[in-house]
Amino acid sequence: MRGKIANKAVLIGAGAGVVCFLIFGLLPGSFLGGVTGLNIAGLLFGYPVSSAILPRLIVAASMLLGIMVSGVIFVVGGSLIGWFLGTVFDSIAAPKAAKTERKIKV
């Protein structure tokens, strides 16, 4: 019995993290990664950034990196919150299960 609620809560938290990422994290991650990529391309190739292939690749790669970092933060954060709440519920439910087991054994 111990840990079953926590294991299920981790999966629920990860699912909630994915949903929150899709709603709240996808666009800001792309924006922040794109701005970082523009700054890097500007430092390497000069301002204003030209529309050549290499600066575009740098901006695109940094946008993807920003999206991935945002996704990891949301999913790991949701999983940790789910694990914590599941552990709390497990510790609350454990004494009740122990009392039930004692009654059955006697």
N, C-alpha and C. Protein backbone atom coordinates (compact mmCIF):
# COMPACT_ATOMS: atom_id res chain seq x y z
N MET A 1 0.82 -1.19 0.00
CA MET A 1 0.00 0.00 0.00
C MET A 1 0.87 1.25 0.00
N ARG A 2 1.98 1.14 0.69
CA ARG A 2 2.82 2.33 0.85
C ARG A 2 3.43 2.73 -0.49
N GLY A 3 3.22 3.96 -0.91
CA GLY A 3 3.82 4.50 -2.12
C GLY A 3 2.95 4.42 -3.35
N LYS A 4 1.85 3.72 -3.29
CA LYS A 4 1.01 3.61 -4.49
C LYS A 4 0.38 4.95 -4.84
N ILE A 5 -0.06 5.67 -3.84
CA ILE A 5 -0.67 6.97 -4.11
C ILE A 5 0.39 7.94 -4.63
N ALA A 6 1.60 7.88 -4.07
CA ALA A 6 2.67 8.77 -4.52
C ALA A 6 3.05 8.48 -5.97
N ASN A 7 3.09 7.21 -6.35
CA ASN A 7 3.44 6.86 -7.74
C ASN A 7 2.39 7.36 -8.72
N LYS A 8 1.13 7.20 -8.35
CA LYS A 8 0.07 7.70 -9.23
C LYS A 8 0.07 9.22 -9.27
N ALA A 9 0.37 9.85 -8.14
CA ALA A 9 0.38 11.31 -8.09
C ALA A 9 1.52 11.90 -8.93
N VAL A 10 2.64 11.18 -9.02
CA VAL A 10 3.74 11.65 -9.88
C VAL A 10 3.29 11.69 -11.33
N LEU A 11 2.59 10.66 -11.77
CA LEU A 11 2.10 10.64 -13.16
C LEU A 11 1.06 11.72 -13.40
N ILE A 12 0.18 11.91 -12.44
CA ILE A 12 -0.83 12.98 -12.57
C ILE A 12 -0.15 14.34 -12.60
N GLY A 13 0.86 14.54 -11.75
CA GLY A 13 1.60 15.80 -11.74
C GLY A 13 2.35 16.05 -13.03
N ALA A 14 2.93 14.97 -13.60
CA ALA A 14 3.63 15.13 -14.88
C ALA A 14 2.65 15.49 -15.99
N GLY A 15 1.47 14.87 -15.98
CA GLY A 15 0.45 15.22 -16.98
C GLY A 15 -0.02 16.65 -16.83
N ALA A 16 -0.21 17.07 -15.58
CA ALA A 16 -0.60 18.46 -15.34
C ALA A 16 0.51 19.42 -15.76
N GLY A 17 1.77 19.02 -15.56
CA GLY A 17 2.90 19.84 -15.99
C GLY A 17 2.95 20.00 -17.50
N VAL A 18 2.64 18.93 -18.22
CA VAL A 18 2.62 19.00 -19.69
C VAL A 18 1.52 19.94 -20.16
N VAL A 19 0.35 19.83 -19.54
CA VAL A 19 -0.77 20.71 -19.91
C VAL A 19 -0.42 22.16 -19.60
N CYS A 20 0.14 22.41 -18.42
CA CYS A 20 0.53 23.79 -18.07
C CYS A 20 1.62 24.31 -18.99
N PHE A 21 2.54 23.42 -19.40
CA PHE A 21 3.56 23.84 -20.35
C PHE A 21 2.94 24.25 -21.67
N LEU A 22 1.99 23.46 -22.16
CA LEU A 22 1.36 23.80 -23.44
C LEU A 22 0.59 25.12 -23.35
N ILE A 23 -0.01 25.39 -22.20
CA ILE A 23 -0.79 26.62 -22.05
C ILE A 23 0.08 27.82 -21.73
N PHE A 24 1.00 27.65 -20.77
CA PHE A 24 1.74 28.80 -20.25
C PHE A 24 3.22 28.86 -20.62
N GLY A 25 3.82 27.78 -21.10
CA GLY A 25 5.26 27.77 -21.27
C GLY A 25 5.77 27.73 -22.68
N LEU A 26 4.96 27.31 -23.62
CA LEU A 26 5.45 27.14 -24.99
C LEU A 26 5.82 28.47 -25.64
N LEU A 27 4.93 29.41 -25.60
CA LEU A 27 5.18 30.71 -26.23
C LEU A 27 6.27 31.52 -25.51
N PRO A 28 6.24 31.64 -24.17
CA PRO A 28 7.34 32.38 -23.51
C PRO A 28 8.69 31.71 -23.69
N GLY A 29 8.73 30.37 -23.71
CA GLY A 29 10.01 29.69 -23.94
C GLY A 29 10.56 29.99 -25.32
N SER A 30 9.67 30.04 -26.30
CA SER A 30 10.08 30.37 -27.66
C SER A 30 10.57 31.82 -27.74
N PHE A 31 9.84 32.73 -27.11
CA PHE A 31 10.24 34.14 -27.13
C PHE A 31 11.60 34.35 -26.46
N LEU A 32 11.76 33.80 -25.27
CA LEU A 32 13.02 34.01 -24.55
C LEU A 32 14.19 33.36 -25.28
N GLY A 33 13.98 32.17 -25.83
CA GLY A 33 15.03 31.53 -26.61
C GLY A 33 15.36 32.31 -27.86
N GLY A 34 14.34 32.87 -28.52
CA GLY A 34 14.57 33.66 -29.73
C GLY A 34 15.35 34.93 -29.45
N VAL A 35 15.02 35.59 -28.36
CA VAL A 35 15.75 36.82 -28.00
C VAL A 35 17.19 36.49 -27.65
N THR A 36 17.39 35.38 -26.95
CA THR A 36 18.76 34.96 -26.64
C THR A 36 19.53 34.64 -27.92
N GLY A 37 18.86 33.95 -28.85
CA GLY A 37 19.50 33.64 -30.12
C GLY A 37 19.82 34.89 -30.92
N LEU A 38 18.94 35.87 -30.91
CA LEU A 38 19.24 37.13 -31.60
C LEU A 38 20.43 37.84 -30.98
N ASN A 39 20.53 37.82 -29.66
CA ASN A 39 21.68 38.44 -29.00
C ASN A 39 22.98 37.71 -29.35
N ILE A 40 22.93 36.38 -29.36
CA ILE A 40 24.13 35.62 -29.71
C ILE A 40 24.51 35.87 -31.17
N ALA A 41 23.54 35.83 -32.07
CA ALA A 41 23.82 36.08 -33.49
C ALA A 41 24.31 37.51 -33.70
N GLY A 42 23.76 38.44 -32.94
CA GLY A 42 24.22 39.83 -33.05
C GLY A 42 25.65 40.01 -32.59
N LEU A 43 26.03 39.29 -31.53
CA LEU A 43 27.40 39.37 -31.06
C LEU A 43 28.38 38.73 -32.05
N LEU A 44 27.95 37.65 -32.67
CA LEU A 44 28.85 36.95 -33.60
C LEU A 44 28.92 37.62 -34.97
N PHE A 45 27.80 38.10 -35.48
CA PHE A 45 27.75 38.60 -36.86
C PHE A 45 27.50 40.10 -36.96
N GLY A 46 27.30 40.75 -35.84
CA GLY A 46 27.07 42.19 -35.85
C GLY A 46 25.60 42.55 -35.95
N TYR A 47 25.30 43.72 -35.45
CA TYR A 47 23.93 44.23 -35.48
C TYR A 47 23.76 45.13 -36.69
N PRO A 48 22.66 45.23 -37.33
CA PRO A 48 21.49 44.36 -37.23
C PRO A 48 21.80 42.98 -37.80
N VAL A 49 21.11 41.99 -37.25
CA VAL A 49 21.37 40.61 -37.66
C VAL A 49 20.86 40.42 -39.09
N SER A 50 21.72 39.87 -39.94
CA SER A 50 21.33 39.66 -41.33
C SER A 50 20.44 38.42 -41.44
N SER A 51 19.89 38.22 -42.61
CA SER A 51 19.01 37.08 -42.82
C SER A 51 19.74 35.92 -43.48
N ALA A 52 21.02 35.78 -43.18
CA ALA A 52 21.79 34.66 -43.73
C ALA A 52 21.40 33.36 -43.01
N ILE A 53 21.91 32.27 -43.49
CA ILE A 53 21.52 30.95 -42.97
C ILE A 53 22.04 30.72 -41.55
N LEU A 54 23.29 31.04 -41.27
CA LEU A 54 23.86 30.75 -39.97
C LEU A 54 23.19 31.52 -38.83
N PRO A 55 22.95 32.83 -38.97
CA PRO A 55 22.21 33.50 -37.89
C PRO A 55 20.80 32.93 -37.68
N ARG A 56 20.14 32.54 -38.76
CA ARG A 56 18.82 31.93 -38.62
C ARG A 56 18.90 30.61 -37.89
N LEU A 57 19.92 29.82 -38.18
CA LEU A 57 20.09 28.54 -37.48
C LEU A 57 20.37 28.75 -36.00
N ILE A 58 21.16 29.77 -35.68
CA ILE A 58 21.44 30.07 -34.28
C ILE A 58 20.16 30.46 -33.56
N VAL A 59 19.35 31.30 -34.16
CA VAL A 59 18.09 31.73 -33.54
C VAL A 59 17.14 30.55 -33.40
N ALA A 60 17.05 29.71 -34.41
CA ALA A 60 16.15 28.56 -34.35
C ALA A 60 16.59 27.57 -33.29
N ALA A 61 17.89 27.32 -33.20
CA ALA A 61 18.39 26.39 -32.19
C ALA A 61 18.15 26.91 -30.78
N SER A 62 18.34 28.20 -30.59
CA SER A 62 18.11 28.76 -29.26
C SER A 62 16.62 28.80 -28.91
N MET A 63 15.76 28.97 -29.91
CA MET A 63 14.31 28.89 -29.66
C MET A 63 13.92 27.48 -29.22
N LEU A 64 14.45 26.47 -29.91
CA LEU A 64 14.18 25.09 -29.51
C LEU A 64 14.73 24.79 -28.13
N LEU A 65 15.90 25.30 -27.82
CA LEU A 65 16.47 25.10 -26.49
C LEU A 65 15.62 25.78 -25.42
N GLY A 66 15.12 26.97 -25.70
CA GLY A 66 14.24 27.66 -24.75
C GLY A 66 12.95 26.90 -24.52
N ILE A 67 12.38 26.33 -25.58
CA ILE A 67 11.16 25.54 -25.44
C ILE A 67 11.43 24.28 -24.62
N MET A 68 12.56 23.62 -24.88
CA MET A 68 12.89 22.40 -24.15
C MET A 68 13.14 22.67 -22.68
N VAL A 69 13.84 23.74 -22.36
CA VAL A 69 14.10 24.07 -20.97
C VAL A 69 12.79 24.41 -20.26
N SER A 70 11.94 25.15 -20.90
CA SER A 70 10.64 25.48 -20.31
C SER A 70 9.83 24.21 -20.07
N GLY A 71 9.83 23.29 -21.03
CA GLY A 71 9.11 22.03 -20.87
C GLY A 71 9.64 21.20 -19.72
N VAL A 72 10.96 21.11 -19.61
CA VAL A 72 11.56 20.35 -18.51
C VAL A 72 11.18 20.96 -17.17
N ILE A 73 11.21 22.26 -17.08
CA ILE A 73 10.87 22.92 -15.82
C ILE A 73 9.43 22.63 -15.44
N PHE A 74 8.52 22.74 -16.38
CA PHE A 74 7.10 22.50 -16.07
C PHE A 74 6.84 21.04 -15.71
N VAL A 75 7.40 20.10 -16.47
CA VAL A 75 7.12 18.68 -16.22
C VAL A 75 7.78 18.22 -14.93
N VAL A 76 9.02 18.61 -14.69
CA VAL A 76 9.69 18.21 -13.45
C VAL A 76 9.02 18.88 -12.25
N GLY A 77 8.67 20.13 -12.40
CA GLY A 77 7.98 20.81 -11.30
C GLY A 77 6.64 20.18 -10.97
N GLY A 78 5.86 19.85 -12.01
CA GLY A 78 4.58 19.18 -11.78
C GLY A 78 4.75 17.82 -11.15
N SER A 79 5.77 17.08 -11.59
CA SER A 79 6.04 15.76 -11.01
C SER A 79 6.45 15.87 -9.55
N LEU A 80 7.28 16.84 -9.22
CA LEU A 80 7.69 17.02 -7.83
C LEU A 80 6.52 17.40 -6.94
N ILE A 81 5.67 18.28 -7.42
CA ILE A 81 4.50 18.66 -6.64
C ILE A 81 3.57 17.46 -6.46
N GLY A 82 3.38 16.68 -7.52
CA GLY A 82 2.56 15.48 -7.41
C GLY A 82 3.15 14.46 -6.45
N TRP A 83 4.47 14.26 -6.51
CA TRP A 83 5.13 13.34 -5.60
C TRP A 83 4.97 13.78 -4.15
N PHE A 84 5.17 15.06 -3.91
CA PHE A 84 5.04 15.59 -2.55
C PHE A 84 3.62 15.38 -2.03
N LEU A 85 2.62 15.74 -2.82
CA LEU A 85 1.24 15.57 -2.37
C LEU A 85 0.89 14.09 -2.20
N GLY A 86 1.38 13.23 -3.08
CA GLY A 86 1.14 11.80 -2.95
C GLY A 86 1.78 11.22 -1.71
N THR A 87 2.98 11.69 -1.38
CA THR A 87 3.65 11.23 -0.17
C THR A 87 2.89 11.67 1.07
N VAL A 88 2.37 12.89 1.05
CA VAL A 88 1.56 13.38 2.17
C VAL A 88 0.31 12.53 2.32
N PHE A 89 -0.37 12.23 1.21
CA PHE A 89 -1.58 11.41 1.28
C PHE A 89 -1.26 9.98 1.70
N ASP A 90 -0.10 9.46 1.28
CA ASP A 90 0.31 8.13 1.72
C ASP A 90 0.53 8.08 3.22
N SER A 91 1.18 9.13 3.75
CA SER A 91 1.43 9.14 5.19
C SER A 91 0.15 9.31 5.99
N ILE A 92 -0.83 9.97 5.43
CA ILE A 92 -2.13 10.10 6.10
C ILE A 92 -2.89 8.78 6.04
N ALA A 93 -2.83 8.09 4.91
CA ALA A 93 -3.58 6.85 4.73
C ALA A 93 -2.90 5.65 5.37
N ALA A 94 -1.61 5.71 5.64
CA ALA A 94 -0.88 4.56 6.19
C ALA A 94 -1.38 4.13 7.57
N PRO A 95 -1.63 5.02 8.53
CA PRO A 95 -2.13 4.56 9.83
C PRO A 95 -3.49 3.87 9.73
N LYS A 96 -4.35 4.32 8.84
CA LYS A 96 -5.65 3.68 8.66
C LYS A 96 -5.48 2.27 8.11
N ALA A 97 -4.56 2.09 7.17
CA ALA A 97 -4.32 0.77 6.61
C ALA A 97 -3.71 -0.16 7.66
N ALA A 98 -2.84 0.37 8.52
CA ALA A 98 -2.23 -0.44 9.57
C ALA A 98 -3.29 -0.90 10.58
N LYS A 99 -4.24 -0.03 10.92
CA LYS A 99 -5.31 -0.42 11.83
C LYS A 99 -6.18 -1.50 11.22
N THR A 100 -6.44 -1.41 9.95
CA THR A 100 -7.26 -2.41 9.27
C THR A 100 -6.53 -3.76 9.25
N GLU A 101 -5.22 -3.75 9.00
CA GLU A 101 -4.46 -4.99 8.98
C GLU A 101 -4.43 -5.66 10.35
N ARG A 102 -4.35 -4.88 11.42
CA ARG A 102 -4.33 -5.44 12.77
C ARG A 102 -5.66 -6.12 13.08
N LYS A 103 -6.74 -5.52 12.65
CA LYS A 103 -8.04 -6.10 12.92
C LYS A 103 -8.21 -7.42 12.18
N ILE A 104 -7.68 -7.51 11.00
CA ILE A 104 -7.80 -8.74 10.22
C ILE A 104 -6.95 -9.85 10.82
N LYS A 105 -5.74 -9.52 11.26
CA LYS A 105 -4.84 -10.54 11.80
C LYS A 105 -5.33 -11.08 13.13
N VAL A 106 -6.02 -10.31 13.93
CA VAL A 106 -6.46 -10.77 15.26
C VAL A 106 -7.64 -11.61 15.15
